[in-house]
Amino acid sequence: MALRIKSRWHDDESERSLEEIAGALAFISWRIDKDKAINLHGEDFIYETDEQRMAVIVEYLIFQLQIVDRIAHQRLGLNEEERRQLVVTLAKHLAGHLQDNSVDLFGPGDYIQPFVEKIISAELNMQISVTATMGRPTLSCVTWDMRFNRSWERPRRTAG
């Protein structure tokens, strides 16, 4: 079955903040990644545990985070601060979705820190494998924020 994704804002005329865009991207990413994990199961990939299924979803989340970072850098023309704000806010929203869903499945615990460590690991692997023709590595702004221990609490929704 096809996954339906809302591709338009309720009020197309309004300007959207990077915070709003990141929140929408996180919600869509979570839905896509969960759907892809389900599709793998439908293709006879056997998940032995819920932890294994969640690990697959985490890999998809990190991959999509890298894609957004690359597009923000290469195609959207965002300056470094805007790009950092978009990607870091997206990562925080993704971490929030992961935390909420992991608590529902596995009970109380910190599920954000392992996610953050995987993002750092992905960034380090990208730095090692990047070539001159690809440009600079991705996720550097997320890694920078993590290394300086910025708050990894999910951004609060504002009314409106």
C-alpha atoms as a PDB file:
ATOM      1  CA  MET A   1       0.000   0.000   0.000  1.00  0.00           C
ATOM      2  CA  ALA A   2       1.245   3.486  -0.833  1.00  0.00           C
ATOM      3  CA  LEU A   3       2.152   5.898   1.926  1.00  0.00           C
ATOM      4  CA  ARG A   4       0.168   9.120   1.818  1.00  0.00           C
ATOM      5  CA  ILE A   5       2.107  12.232   2.749  1.00  0.00           C
ATOM      6  CA  LYS A   6       0.645  15.692   3.014  1.00  0.00           C
ATOM      7  CA  SER A   7       2.686  17.845   0.659  1.00  0.00           C
ATOM      8  CA  ARG A   8       1.021  21.227   1.134  1.00  0.00           C
ATOM      9  CA  TRP A   9       0.655  23.590   4.071  1.00  0.00           C
ATOM     10  CA  HIS A  10      -2.842  24.382   5.254  1.00  0.00           C
ATOM     11  CA  ASP A  11      -2.234  28.056   4.430  1.00  0.00           C
ATOM     12  CA  ASP A  12       0.070  28.136   1.384  1.00  0.00           C
ATOM     13  CA  GLU A  13       0.366  31.907   1.485  1.00  0.00           C
ATOM     14  CA  SER A  14       2.107  32.133   4.864  1.00  0.00           C
ATOM     15  CA  GLU A  15       5.854  32.271   5.342  1.00  0.00           C
ATOM     16  CA  ARG A  16       7.207  29.254   7.226  1.00  0.00           C
ATOM     17  CA  SER A  17       9.978  29.447   9.769  1.00  0.00           C
ATOM     18  CA  LEU A  18      12.870  26.997   9.627  1.00  0.00           C
ATOM     19  CA  GLU A  19      11.497  25.600  12.919  1.00  0.00           C
ATOM     20  CA  GLU A  20       8.131  24.827  11.287  1.00  0.00           C
ATOM     21  CA  ILE A  21       9.799  23.326   8.238  1.00  0.00           C
ATOM     22  CA  ALA A  22      12.054  21.145  10.408  1.00  0.00           C
ATOM     23  CA  GLY A  23       9.058  19.926  12.425  1.00  0.00           C
ATOM     24  CA  ALA A  24       7.154  18.975   9.276  1.00  0.00           C
ATOM     25  CA  LEU A  25      10.231  17.266   7.798  1.00  0.00           C
ATOM     26  CA  ALA A  26      10.726  15.274  11.005  1.00  0.00           C
ATOM     27  CA  PHE A  27       7.124  14.084  11.033  1.00  0.00           C
ATOM     28  CA  ILE A  28       7.296  13.070   7.369  1.00  0.00           C
ATOM     29  CA  SER A  29      10.704  11.410   7.848  1.00  0.00           C
ATOM     30  CA  TRP A  30       9.425   9.375  10.779  1.00  0.00           C
ATOM     31  CA  ARG A  31       6.423   8.168   8.750  1.00  0.00           C
ATOM     32  CA  ILE A  32       8.565   7.268   5.730  1.00  0.00           C
ATOM     33  CA  ASP A  33      11.165   5.464   7.823  1.00  0.00           C
ATOM     34  CA  LYS A  34       8.577   3.491   9.768  1.00  0.00           C
ATOM     35  CA  ASP A  35       6.913   2.550   6.472  1.00  0.00           C
ATOM     36  CA  LYS A  36      10.240   1.420   4.994  1.00  0.00           C
ATOM     37  CA  ALA A  37      10.904  -0.767   8.040  1.00  0.00           C
ATOM     38  CA  ILE A  38       7.459  -2.332   7.538  1.00  0.00           C
ATOM     39  CA  ASN A  39       8.208  -2.837   3.823  1.00  0.00           C
ATOM     40  CA  LEU A  40      11.420  -4.666   4.693  1.00  0.00           C
ATOM     41  CA  HIS A  41       9.400  -7.017   6.877  1.00  0.00           C
ATOM     42  CA  GLY A  42       7.011  -7.536   3.934  1.00  0.00           C
ATOM     43  CA  GLU A  43      10.015  -8.481   1.797  1.00  0.00           C
ATOM     44  CA  ASP A  44      10.820 -11.308   4.236  1.00  0.00           C
ATOM     45  CA  PHE A  45      13.385  -9.426   6.307  1.00  0.00           C
ATOM     46  CA  ILE A  46      13.020 -10.981   9.738  1.00  0.00           C
ATOM     47  CA  TYR A  47      13.196  -8.724  12.777  1.00  0.00           C
ATOM     48  CA  GLU A  48      14.036 -10.858  15.770  1.00  0.00           C
ATOM     49  CA  THR A  49      13.258  -8.054  18.247  1.00  0.00           C
ATOM     50  CA  ASP A  50      11.622  -4.645  18.387  1.00  0.00           C
ATOM     51  CA  GLU A  51      15.083  -3.234  19.139  1.00  0.00           C
ATOM     52  CA  GLN A  52      16.297  -4.533  15.789  1.00  0.00           C
ATOM     53  CA  ARG A  53      13.361  -2.907  13.984  1.00  0.00           C
ATOM     54  CA  MET A  54      14.005   0.394  15.767  1.00  0.00           C
ATOM     55  CA  ALA A  55      17.703   0.193  14.818  1.00  0.00           C
ATOM     56  CA  VAL A  56      16.689  -0.021  11.147  1.00  0.00           C
ATOM     57  CA  ILE A  57      14.434   3.023  11.577  1.00  0.00           C
ATOM     58  CA  VAL A  58      17.321   4.930  13.210  1.00  0.00           C
ATOM     59  CA  GLU A  59      19.556   4.196  10.212  1.00  0.00           C
ATOM     60  CA  TYR A  60      16.876   5.542   7.888  1.00  0.00           C
ATOM     61  CA  LEU A  61      16.491   8.666  10.074  1.00  0.00           C
ATOM     62  CA  ILE A  62      20.205   9.401   9.928  1.00  0.00           C
ATOM     63  CA  PHE A  63      20.249   8.866   6.176  1.00  0.00           C
ATOM     64  CA  GLN A  64      17.392  11.328   5.710  1.00  0.00           C
ATOM     65  CA  LEU A  65      19.095  13.823   8.009  1.00  0.00           C
ATOM     66  CA  GLN A  66      22.161  13.638   5.762  1.00  0.00           C
ATOM     67  CA  ILE A  67      20.012  14.185   2.675  1.00  0.00           C
ATOM     68  CA  VAL A  68      18.357  17.282   4.157  1.00  0.00           C
ATOM     69  CA  ASP A  69      21.754  18.670   5.158  1.00  0.00           C
ATOM     70  CA  ARG A  70      23.141  18.099   1.663  1.00  0.00           C
ATOM     71  CA  ILE A  71      20.097  19.683  -0.036  1.00  0.00           C
ATOM     72  CA  ALA A  72      20.124  22.654   2.356  1.00  0.00           C
ATOM     73  CA  HIS A  73      23.793  23.191   1.540  1.00  0.00           C
ATOM     74  CA  GLN A  74      23.749  22.606  -2.215  1.00  0.00           C
ATOM     75  CA  ARG A  75      20.290  23.518  -3.485  1.00  0.00           C
ATOM     76  CA  LEU A  76      18.378  25.729  -1.078  1.00  0.00           C
ATOM     77  CA  GLY A  77      20.958  28.465  -0.825  1.00  0.00           C
ATOM     78  CA  LEU A  78      20.706  28.699   2.951  1.00  0.00           C
ATOM     79  CA  ASN A  79      23.562  30.473   4.665  1.00  0.00           C
ATOM     80  CA  GLU A  80      25.519  28.531   7.290  1.00  0.00           C
ATOM     81  CA  GLU A  81      23.439  29.761  10.233  1.00  0.00           C
ATOM     82  CA  GLU A  82      20.116  28.984   8.508  1.00  0.00           C
ATOM     83  CA  ARG A  83      21.375  25.583   7.450  1.00  0.00           C
ATOM     84  CA  ARG A  84      22.593  24.859  10.972  1.00  0.00           C
ATOM     85  CA  GLN A  85      19.249  25.924  12.421  1.00  0.00           C
ATOM     86  CA  LEU A  86      17.281  23.742   9.971  1.00  0.00           C
ATOM     87  CA  VAL A  87      19.382  20.611  10.342  1.00  0.00           C
ATOM     88  CA  VAL A  88      19.892  20.815  14.103  1.00  0.00           C
ATOM     89  CA  THR A  89      16.200  21.521  14.703  1.00  0.00           C
ATOM     90  CA  LEU A  90      15.308  18.605  12.416  1.00  0.00           C
ATOM     91  CA  ALA A  91      17.694  16.338  14.360  1.00  0.00           C
ATOM     92  CA  LYS A  92      16.077  17.435  17.630  1.00  0.00           C
ATOM     93  CA  HIS A  93      12.598  16.720  16.316  1.00  0.00           C
ATOM     94  CA  LEU A  94      13.721  13.308  15.030  1.00  0.00           C
ATOM     95  CA  ALA A  95      15.261  12.577  18.433  1.00  0.00           C
ATOM     96  CA  GLY A  96      11.952  13.516  20.049  1.00  0.00           C
ATOM     97  CA  HIS A  97       9.994  11.154  17.793  1.00  0.00           C
ATOM     98  CA  LEU A  98      12.513   8.414  18.518  1.00  0.00           C
ATOM     99  CA  GLN A  99      12.321   9.022  22.272  1.00  0.00           C
ATOM    100  CA  ASP A 100       8.510   9.023  22.342  1.00  0.00           C
ATOM    101  CA  ASN A 101       8.162   5.871  20.270  1.00  0.00           C
ATOM    102  CA  SER A 102      10.962   4.048  22.098  1.00  0.00           C
ATOM    103  CA  VAL A 103       9.382   4.792  25.487  1.00  0.00           C
ATOM    104  CA  ASP A 104       6.098   3.398  24.149  1.00  0.00           C
ATOM    105  CA  LEU A 105       7.825   0.206  22.996  1.00  0.00           C
ATOM    106  CA  PHE A 106      10.562  -0.369  25.557  1.00  0.00           C
ATOM    107  CA  GLY A 107       9.623   1.664  28.610  1.00  0.00           C
ATOM    108  CA  PRO A 108      11.367   4.611  30.275  1.00  0.00           C
ATOM    109  CA  GLY A 109      14.962   5.366  29.310  1.00  0.00           C
ATOM    110  CA  ASP A 110      17.249   7.696  27.409  1.00  0.00           C
ATOM    111  CA  TYR A 111      16.961   6.762  23.753  1.00  0.00           C
ATOM    112  CA  ILE A 112      18.287  10.096  22.493  1.00  0.00           C
ATOM    113  CA  GLN A 113      21.952   9.704  23.500  1.00  0.00           C
ATOM    114  CA  PRO A 114      22.534   6.544  21.411  1.00  0.00           C
ATOM    115  CA  PHE A 115      20.875   8.354  18.477  1.00  0.00           C
ATOM    116  CA  VAL A 116      23.193  11.341  18.953  1.00  0.00           C
ATOM    117  CA  GLU A 117      26.207   9.011  19.088  1.00  0.00           C
ATOM    118  CA  LYS A 118      25.113   7.354  15.833  1.00  0.00           C
ATOM    119  CA  ILE A 119      24.825  10.776  14.168  1.00  0.00           C
ATOM    120  CA  ILE A 120      28.355  11.645  15.315  1.00  0.00           C
ATOM    121  CA  SER A 121      29.604   8.289  14.040  1.00  0.00           C
ATOM    122  CA  ALA A 122      27.885   8.860  10.678  1.00  0.00           C
ATOM    123  CA  GLU A 123      29.519  12.290  10.438  1.00  0.00           C
ATOM    124  CA  LEU A 124      32.962  10.905  11.194  1.00  0.00           C
ATOM    125  CA  ASN A 125      32.499   8.163   8.599  1.00  0.00           C
ATOM    126  CA  MET A 126      31.382  10.775   6.074  1.00  0.00           C
ATOM    127  CA  GLN A 127      34.435  12.936   6.775  1.00  0.00           C
ATOM    128  CA  ILE A 128      36.688   9.963   6.144  1.00  0.00           C
ATOM    129  CA  SER A 129      35.009   9.005   2.863  1.00  0.00           C
ATOM    130  CA  VAL A 130      34.245  12.434   1.366  1.00  0.00           C
ATOM    131  CA  THR A 131      36.000  13.302  -1.883  1.00  0.00           C
ATOM    132  CA  ALA A 132      36.957  16.667  -3.338  1.00  0.00           C
ATOM    133  CA  THR A 133      34.252  16.402  -6.020  1.00  0.00           C
ATOM    134  CA  MET A 134      31.486  15.949  -3.458  1.00  0.00           C
ATOM    135  CA  GLY A 135      32.200  19.135  -1.546  1.00  0.00           C
ATOM    136  CA  ARG A 136      32.372  19.382   2.193  1.00  0.00           C
ATOM    137  CA  PRO A 137      31.058  16.622   4.461  1.00  0.00           C
ATOM    138  CA  THR A 138      27.476  16.586   5.659  1.00  0.00           C
ATOM    139  CA  LEU A 139      26.076  16.907   9.159  1.00  0.00           C
ATOM    140  CA  SER A 140      28.981  19.016  10.373  1.00  0.00           C
ATOM    141  CA  CYS A 141      26.557  21.526  11.881  1.00  0.00           C
ATOM    142  CA  VAL A 142      24.753  18.806  13.849  1.00  0.00           C
ATOM    143  CA  THR A 143      28.027  17.338  15.067  1.00  0.00           C
ATOM    144  CA  TRP A 144      29.265  20.799  16.056  1.00  0.00           C
ATOM    145  CA  ASP A 145      26.177  21.392  18.177  1.00  0.00           C
ATOM    146  CA  MET A 146      26.465  17.964  19.808  1.00  0.00           C
ATOM    147  CA  ARG A 147      30.115  18.385  20.642  1.00  0.00           C
ATOM    148  CA  PHE A 148      29.365  21.603  22.468  1.00  0.00           C
ATOM    149  CA  ASN A 149      26.566  19.957  24.487  1.00  0.00           C
ATOM    150  CA  ARG A 150      23.696  22.098  23.322  1.00  0.00           C
ATOM    151  CA  SER A 151      20.282  21.092  24.581  1.00  0.00           C
ATOM    152  CA  TRP A 152      18.892  18.041  22.805  1.00  0.00           C
ATOM    153  CA  GLU A 153      15.398  18.605  24.079  1.00  0.00           C
ATOM    154  CA  ARG A 154      12.786  18.621  21.342  1.00  0.00           C
ATOM    155  CA  PRO A 155      11.751  22.149  20.343  1.00  0.00           C
ATOM    156  CA  ARG A 156       8.386  23.175  21.762  1.00  0.00           C
ATOM    157  CA  ARG A 157       5.474  23.738  19.419  1.00  0.00           C
ATOM    158  CA  THR A 158       4.178  27.261  19.409  1.00  0.00           C
ATOM    159  CA  ALA A 159       0.498  28.036  19.192  1.00  0.00           C
ATOM    160  CA  GLY A 160      -0.724  29.452  15.941  1.00  0.00           C
END
